[in-house]
Amino acid sequence: MKRMAVFTSGGDAPGMNACIRAVVRSATYHNVEVFGVMRGYEGMIRGRLHRMESSAVSNTIQKGGTILKSARSSEFKTHEGRKKAYQQLRHFDIEGLVAIGGDGTFTAAKVFHEEFGLPIIGCPGTIDNDIYGTDYTIGYDTAVNTALEAIDKIRDTADSHNRVFFIEVMGRDSGYIAVQSGIGGGAEIIVSPENSNTTEDIINALRKGKLHHKASAIVLVAEGEVMGNATKLAAEVQAATEGLDIRVTTLGHIQRGGSPTASDRILASRTGVGAVEGLLNGKTSVMAGIQNNHLVYTPFDEAINKKKPINQELLRMVKILSI
């Protein structure tokens, strides 16, 4: 393999630049030319590729976002759109791709490989940590720490005013951010898709806190919670109780930005190098991930379709530590 390309797709995640850096420098180390694709699959269709030397990724490992940008592409969902993208890659003599993103990115990469045979390896870049085949995803640790910092600050206000705060964190259909930041932030209640909380459970937990002389409380809600978002749940609890001063805070996209933690930089670097060396060793249609501190390759089909469960021991801990 003489030439490969790297791109980021889907939602940005802290550490994507560290992964791009690892791909560029690892490929250069192995005497392979690297091209960056601007704006994901959309840029691939438009032929927005440029050569990346080692110096192009200097001073990027600490930066959030993605220097290659990201975009949604409805055209790539069509065979004609993917054909255009393949023709553009052929024009640049690209022989392999490294895709940095989440399950949507990998789903498109899997179809692309099946249709045109171009070798592709993915790196798990999403704050949600919901991809099977890797213990953690790039950006997750930073997002958890960002949420934790916000929870700590809101806790000060909750305690000062004897208030109950419903805080909504990201995670789509996954409660990983909610569970980890909730335990770290001492939340009294964590509501996520993985547990079976009801509005009555929340009310009972708040009442129990009153019995233990707690004047304030944090209720952490994952955005994908099936009962509804933090605003809806707070309104239901307020309507069913008396004497509670309830406020709602949605952390939103602040969780996607910022300088990546050391953990995310190392994870991104390991998977980036793993993706390049995997391509050079003939692997394709797989994701490079880390399990039990070892680099592993998981087929796209499994990474996309298998459910990644949350450790039930963590959910049990929440009940124990919140009394």
Protein backbone atom coordinates (compact mmCIF):
# COMPACT_ATOMS: atom_id res chain seq x y z
CA MET A 1 0.00 0.00 0.00
CA LYS A 2 1.44 3.33 -1.11
CA ARG A 3 -1.38 5.76 -0.35
CA MET A 4 -4.15 5.91 2.21
CA ALA A 5 -6.63 8.54 3.35
CA VAL A 6 -8.10 9.47 6.73
CA PHE A 7 -11.35 11.26 7.54
CA THR A 8 -13.64 12.09 10.45
CA SER A 9 -17.39 11.71 10.27
CA GLY A 10 -20.47 12.19 12.45
CA GLY A 11 -20.36 14.13 15.71
CA ASP A 12 -16.99 15.53 16.70
CA ALA A 13 -15.25 14.13 19.77
CA PRO A 14 -12.22 15.33 21.77
CA GLY A 15 -9.23 13.26 20.66
CA MET A 16 -10.12 13.03 16.99
CA ASN A 17 -7.16 15.26 16.15
CA ALA A 18 -4.88 13.02 18.20
CA CYS A 19 -6.13 10.08 16.12
CA ILE A 20 -5.59 11.93 12.84
CA ARG A 21 -2.08 12.76 14.03
CA ALA A 22 -1.39 9.12 14.85
CA VAL A 23 -2.63 7.98 11.42
CA VAL A 24 -0.53 10.55 9.56
CA ARG A 25 2.65 9.92 11.50
CA SER A 26 2.27 6.16 11.62
CA ALA A 27 1.68 5.98 7.86
CA THR A 28 4.62 8.31 7.23
CA TYR A 29 6.79 6.10 9.46
CA HIS A 30 5.85 3.14 7.25
CA ASN A 31 6.59 5.13 4.05
CA VAL A 32 2.94 5.46 3.07
CA GLU A 33 1.57 8.75 1.74
CA VAL A 34 -1.45 10.09 3.62
CA PHE A 35 -4.29 12.25 2.36
CA GLY A 36 -6.82 13.99 4.57
CA VAL A 37 -10.44 14.10 3.46
CA MET A 38 -12.20 17.30 4.45
CA ARG A 39 -15.78 17.10 5.79
CA GLY A 40 -16.18 13.34 5.89
CA TYR A 41 -18.14 11.43 3.27
CA GLU A 42 -19.47 14.68 1.78
CA GLY A 43 -15.93 15.87 1.09
CA MET A 44 -15.04 12.47 -0.31
CA ILE A 45 -17.79 12.82 -2.92
CA ARG A 46 -16.51 16.32 -3.81
CA GLY A 47 -12.89 15.22 -4.03
CA ARG A 48 -11.75 17.42 -1.15
CA LEU A 49 -8.54 15.54 -0.41
CA HIS A 50 -5.14 17.01 0.39
CA ARG A 51 -1.73 15.52 1.13
CA MET A 52 -0.76 15.52 4.81
CA GLU A 53 2.89 15.53 5.82
CA SER A 54 4.00 14.90 9.38
CA SER A 55 4.24 18.65 10.00
CA ALA A 56 0.55 19.06 9.11
CA VAL A 57 -0.43 17.52 12.44
CA SER A 58 2.09 19.35 14.62
CA ASN A 59 0.53 21.04 17.66
CA THR A 60 -2.83 19.27 17.18
CA ILE A 61 -2.83 16.50 19.80
CA GLN A 62 -4.19 18.84 22.48
CA LYS A 63 -6.92 20.42 20.35
CA GLY A 64 -10.60 19.53 20.47
CA GLY A 65 -12.85 19.19 17.43
CA THR A 66 -11.40 17.89 14.17
CA ILE A 67 -9.00 19.65 11.82
CA LEU A 68 -10.52 17.62 8.95
CA LYS A 69 -14.02 18.90 9.83
CA SER A 70 -17.14 16.75 9.76
CA ALA A 71 -20.44 16.78 7.92
CA ARG A 72 -23.56 14.72 7.35
CA SER A 73 -23.99 13.40 3.82
CA SER A 74 -27.38 12.32 2.51
CA GLU A 75 -25.85 11.74 -0.93
CA PHE A 76 -23.44 9.11 0.41
CA LYS A 77 -26.47 7.08 1.50
CA THR A 78 -27.16 6.43 -2.18
CA HIS A 79 -25.20 4.06 -4.42
CA GLU A 80 -24.55 6.87 -6.89
CA GLY A 81 -23.10 9.04 -4.15
CA ARG A 82 -20.81 6.26 -2.98
CA LYS A 83 -19.75 5.62 -6.56
CA LYS A 84 -18.73 9.28 -6.91
CA ALA A 85 -16.72 9.01 -3.71
CA TYR A 86 -14.96 5.86 -4.94
CA GLN A 87 -14.10 7.52 -8.26
CA GLN A 88 -12.60 10.47 -6.42
CA LEU A 89 -10.48 8.15 -4.28
CA ARG A 90 -9.34 6.29 -7.39
CA HIS A 91 -8.35 9.64 -8.93
CA PHE A 92 -6.00 10.18 -5.97
CA ASP A 93 -4.77 6.54 -6.09
CA ILE A 94 -6.04 5.90 -2.56
CA GLU A 95 -5.62 2.24 -1.61
CA GLY A 96 -7.00 2.26 1.93
CA LEU A 97 -9.13 4.35 4.28
CA VAL A 98 -9.11 5.11 8.01
CA ALA A 99 -12.57 6.19 9.19
CA ILE A 100 -12.78 7.98 12.56
CA GLY A 101 -16.32 8.09 13.91
CA GLY A 102 -19.20 6.18 15.44
CA ASP A 103 -21.67 3.54 14.35
CA GLY A 104 -23.13 5.69 11.56
CA THR A 105 -19.65 6.19 10.12
CA PHE A 106 -18.92 2.47 10.36
CA THR A 107 -22.27 1.49 8.82
CA ALA A 108 -21.50 3.61 5.77
CA ALA A 109 -17.91 2.30 5.64
CA LYS A 110 -19.13 -1.30 5.74
CA VAL A 111 -21.47 -0.74 2.76
CA PHE A 112 -18.77 1.19 0.90
CA HIS A 113 -16.30 -1.68 1.32
CA GLU A 114 -18.86 -4.28 0.27
CA GLU A 115 -19.69 -2.38 -2.92
CA PHE A 116 -16.21 -1.36 -4.06
CA GLY A 117 -13.76 -3.53 -2.13
CA LEU A 118 -11.63 -0.65 -0.83
CA PRO A 119 -9.90 -1.65 2.44
CA ILE A 120 -11.26 0.36 5.39
CA ILE A 121 -10.48 0.30 9.11
CA GLY A 122 -12.33 2.38 11.68
CA CYS A 123 -11.28 4.15 14.87
CA PRO A 124 -14.05 4.59 17.47
CA GLY A 125 -14.59 8.34 17.77
CA THR A 126 -17.72 9.23 19.75
CA ILE A 127 -18.37 10.62 23.21
CA ASP A 128 -21.24 8.14 23.72
CA ASN A 129 -18.99 5.10 24.36
CA ASP A 130 -21.71 2.95 22.80
CA ILE A 131 -19.63 0.96 20.29
CA TYR A 132 -19.12 -2.75 20.84
CA GLY A 133 -15.57 -4.06 20.61
CA THR A 134 -13.71 -1.42 22.58
CA ASP A 135 -13.76 -0.64 26.29
CA TYR A 136 -13.76 3.09 25.62
CA THR A 137 -14.30 5.36 22.63
CA ILE A 138 -12.31 8.45 21.71
CA GLY A 139 -13.82 11.50 23.42
CA TYR A 140 -15.76 9.65 26.10
CA ASP A 141 -13.36 10.30 28.98
CA THR A 142 -13.15 14.00 28.15
CA ALA A 143 -16.96 14.26 27.93
CA VAL A 144 -17.33 12.58 31.32
CA ASN A 145 -14.86 14.99 32.90
CA THR A 146 -16.56 17.97 31.26
CA ALA A 147 -19.91 16.84 32.62
CA LEU A 148 -18.37 16.19 36.03
CA GLU A 149 -16.96 19.71 36.20
CA ALA A 150 -20.40 21.13 35.42
CA ILE A 151 -22.08 18.87 37.99
CA ASP A 152 -19.65 20.03 40.68
CA LYS A 153 -20.46 23.68 39.95
CA ILE A 154 -24.21 23.10 39.85
CA ARG A 155 -23.92 21.21 43.14
CA ASP A 156 -22.63 24.40 44.77
CA THR A 157 -25.73 26.29 43.67
CA ALA A 158 -28.07 23.43 44.58
CA ASP A 159 -26.59 23.28 48.06
CA SER A 160 -26.67 27.05 48.53
CA HIS A 161 -30.37 27.31 47.65
CA ASN A 162 -31.62 23.90 48.86
CA ARG A 163 -32.64 23.00 45.32
CA VAL A 164 -33.09 19.84 43.30
CA PHE A 165 -31.33 20.01 39.93
CA PHE A 166 -32.23 17.77 37.02
CA ILE A 167 -29.11 17.71 34.83
CA GLU A 168 -29.29 16.24 31.32
CA VAL A 169 -26.13 14.85 29.75
CA MET A 170 -25.48 13.51 26.26
CA GLY A 171 -25.26 9.87 25.28
CA ARG A 172 -28.05 9.37 22.76
CA ASP A 173 -29.33 5.84 23.57
CA SER A 174 -26.50 5.14 26.01
CA GLY A 175 -26.17 6.03 29.69
CA TYR A 176 -22.38 5.73 29.93
CA ILE A 177 -21.76 9.45 30.43
CA ALA A 178 -24.64 9.70 32.89
CA VAL A 179 -23.51 6.75 35.00
CA GLN A 180 -19.81 7.62 35.17
CA SER A 181 -20.21 11.36 35.72
CA GLY A 182 -23.12 10.72 38.09
CA ILE A 183 -21.08 8.43 40.32
CA GLY A 184 -18.11 10.80 40.17
CA GLY A 185 -20.34 13.78 40.96
CA GLY A 186 -22.23 12.11 43.77
CA ALA A 187 -25.63 12.31 42.06
CA GLU A 188 -28.50 11.09 44.23
CA ILE A 189 -30.33 9.60 41.24
CA ILE A 190 -29.14 8.52 37.78
CA VAL A 191 -31.75 7.99 35.10
CA SER A 192 -30.50 6.14 32.02
CA PRO A 193 -31.83 3.76 29.34
CA GLU A 194 -30.01 0.87 31.02
CA ASN A 195 -31.95 0.96 34.27
CA SER A 196 -35.70 0.80 34.88
CA ASN A 197 -36.34 4.03 36.75
CA THR A 198 -39.86 5.39 36.96
CA THR A 199 -41.02 8.84 38.00
CA GLU A 200 -42.17 7.26 41.25
CA ASP A 201 -38.65 5.93 41.83
CA ILE A 202 -37.26 9.46 41.49
CA ILE A 203 -39.86 10.84 43.90
CA ASN A 204 -39.20 8.10 46.45
CA ALA A 205 -35.44 8.66 46.24
CA LEU A 206 -35.89 12.40 46.83
CA ARG A 207 -38.16 11.69 49.80
CA LYS A 208 -35.60 9.27 51.20
CA GLY A 209 -32.99 12.00 50.89
CA LYS A 210 -35.22 14.30 52.94
CA LEU A 211 -35.34 11.64 55.65
CA HIS A 212 -31.54 11.68 55.70
CA HIS A 213 -31.64 15.49 56.05
CA LYS A 214 -30.51 16.21 52.51
CA ALA A 215 -31.59 19.70 51.54
CA SER A 216 -30.42 19.48 47.92
CA ALA A 217 -30.08 16.78 45.29
CA ILE A 218 -28.77 16.07 41.80
CA VAL A 219 -30.85 13.97 39.41
CA LEU A 220 -28.73 13.04 36.39
CA VAL A 221 -30.64 12.17 33.21
CA ALA A 222 -29.24 10.61 30.02
CA GLU A 223 -30.69 12.31 26.94
CA GLY A 224 -31.83 8.96 25.52
CA GLU A 225 -33.88 8.03 28.58
CA VAL A 226 -37.10 6.38 27.40
CA MET A 227 -39.25 8.16 30.03
CA GLY A 228 -38.33 11.53 28.56
CA ASN A 229 -35.74 14.26 28.89
CA ALA A 230 -34.78 16.15 32.03
CA THR A 231 -37.35 18.91 31.46
CA LYS A 232 -40.22 16.44 31.16
CA LEU A 233 -39.16 14.40 34.17
CA ALA A 234 -38.64 17.50 36.31
CA ALA A 235 -42.14 18.73 35.43
CA GLU A 236 -43.67 15.37 36.38
CA VAL A 237 -41.85 15.28 39.70
CA GLN A 238 -42.76 18.89 40.45
CA ALA A 239 -46.44 18.19 39.77
CA ALA A 240 -46.43 15.17 42.07
CA THR A 241 -44.60 16.74 45.03
CA GLU A 242 -44.76 19.77 47.27
CA GLY A 243 -42.03 21.94 48.68
CA LEU A 244 -39.31 21.05 46.17
CA ASP A 245 -37.45 23.87 44.44
CA ILE A 246 -36.58 22.21 41.12
CA ARG A 247 -34.35 23.51 38.34
CA VAL A 248 -33.24 21.96 35.03
CA THR A 249 -29.89 22.25 33.26
CA THR A 250 -29.11 20.66 29.89
CA LEU A 251 -25.35 20.48 29.34
CA GLY A 252 -25.65 19.90 25.59
CA HIS A 253 -22.79 20.27 23.15
CA ILE A 254 -20.33 21.61 25.72
CA GLN A 255 -19.60 17.92 26.30
CA ARG A 256 -18.24 17.51 22.77
CA GLY A 257 -15.62 20.22 22.93
CA GLY A 258 -12.45 21.00 24.80
CA SER A 259 -8.92 19.70 25.03
CA PRO A 260 -8.88 15.88 25.27
CA THR A 261 -7.75 14.20 28.47
CA ALA A 262 -4.55 12.17 28.60
CA SER A 263 -6.65 9.00 28.44
CA ASP A 264 -8.37 10.10 25.23
CA ARG A 265 -5.09 11.18 23.63
CA ILE A 266 -3.50 7.81 24.34
CA LEU A 267 -6.55 5.85 23.18
CA ALA A 268 -6.70 7.89 19.98
CA SER A 269 -3.01 7.38 19.34
CA ARG A 270 -3.16 3.63 19.91
CA THR A 271 -6.17 3.09 17.66
CA GLY A 272 -4.79 5.41 14.97
CA VAL A 273 -1.53 3.46 14.79
CA GLY A 274 -3.51 0.22 14.98
CA ALA A 275 -5.68 1.24 12.03
CA VAL A 276 -2.69 2.04 9.81
CA GLU A 277 -0.81 -1.13 10.70
CA GLY A 278 -4.00 -3.15 10.32
CA LEU A 279 -4.41 -1.88 6.75
CA LEU A 280 -0.76 -2.66 5.99
CA ASN A 281 -1.31 -6.19 7.33
CA GLY A 282 -4.30 -6.81 5.06
CA LYS A 283 -7.16 -6.22 7.50
CA THR A 284 -10.34 -4.53 6.34
CA SER A 285 -13.93 -3.75 7.35
CA VAL A 286 -12.92 -3.83 11.03
CA MET A 287 -12.60 -1.37 13.89
CA ALA A 288 -9.41 -0.93 15.87
CA GLY A 289 -10.29 -0.81 19.56
CA ILE A 290 -8.82 -1.43 23.00
CA GLN A 291 -10.05 -4.25 25.23
CA ASN A 292 -8.39 -5.08 28.54
CA ASN A 293 -5.56 -2.74 27.46
CA HIS A 294 -4.89 -4.75 24.28
CA LEU A 295 -5.39 -3.62 20.70
CA VAL A 296 -8.14 -5.68 19.04
CA TYR A 297 -9.90 -5.65 15.68
CA THR A 298 -13.67 -6.06 15.68
CA PRO A 299 -15.65 -6.59 12.43
CA PHE A 300 -17.81 -3.59 11.54
CA ASP A 301 -20.89 -5.79 11.61
CA GLU A 302 -20.29 -6.60 15.30
CA ALA A 303 -19.22 -3.09 16.28
CA ILE A 304 -22.41 -1.70 14.77
CA ASN A 305 -24.99 -4.29 15.76
CA LYS A 306 -23.90 -5.80 19.07
CA LYS A 307 -25.10 -4.06 22.22
CA LYS A 308 -22.46 -2.80 24.60
CA PRO A 309 -23.80 -3.31 28.14
CA ILE A 310 -23.12 -1.07 31.11
CA ASN A 311 -21.60 -2.75 34.14
CA GLN A 312 -24.58 -3.47 36.37
CA GLU A 313 -22.33 -3.19 39.41
CA LEU A 314 -22.03 0.53 38.69
CA LEU A 315 -25.81 0.93 38.64
CA ARG A 316 -26.03 -0.96 41.95
CA MET A 317 -23.38 1.33 43.43
CA VAL A 318 -25.51 4.39 42.70
CA LYS A 319 -28.21 3.17 45.10
CA ILE A 320 -25.65 2.37 47.79
CA LEU A 321 -23.74 5.64 47.59
CA SER A 322 -26.73 7.97 47.31
CA ILE A 323 -28.24 7.33 50.75
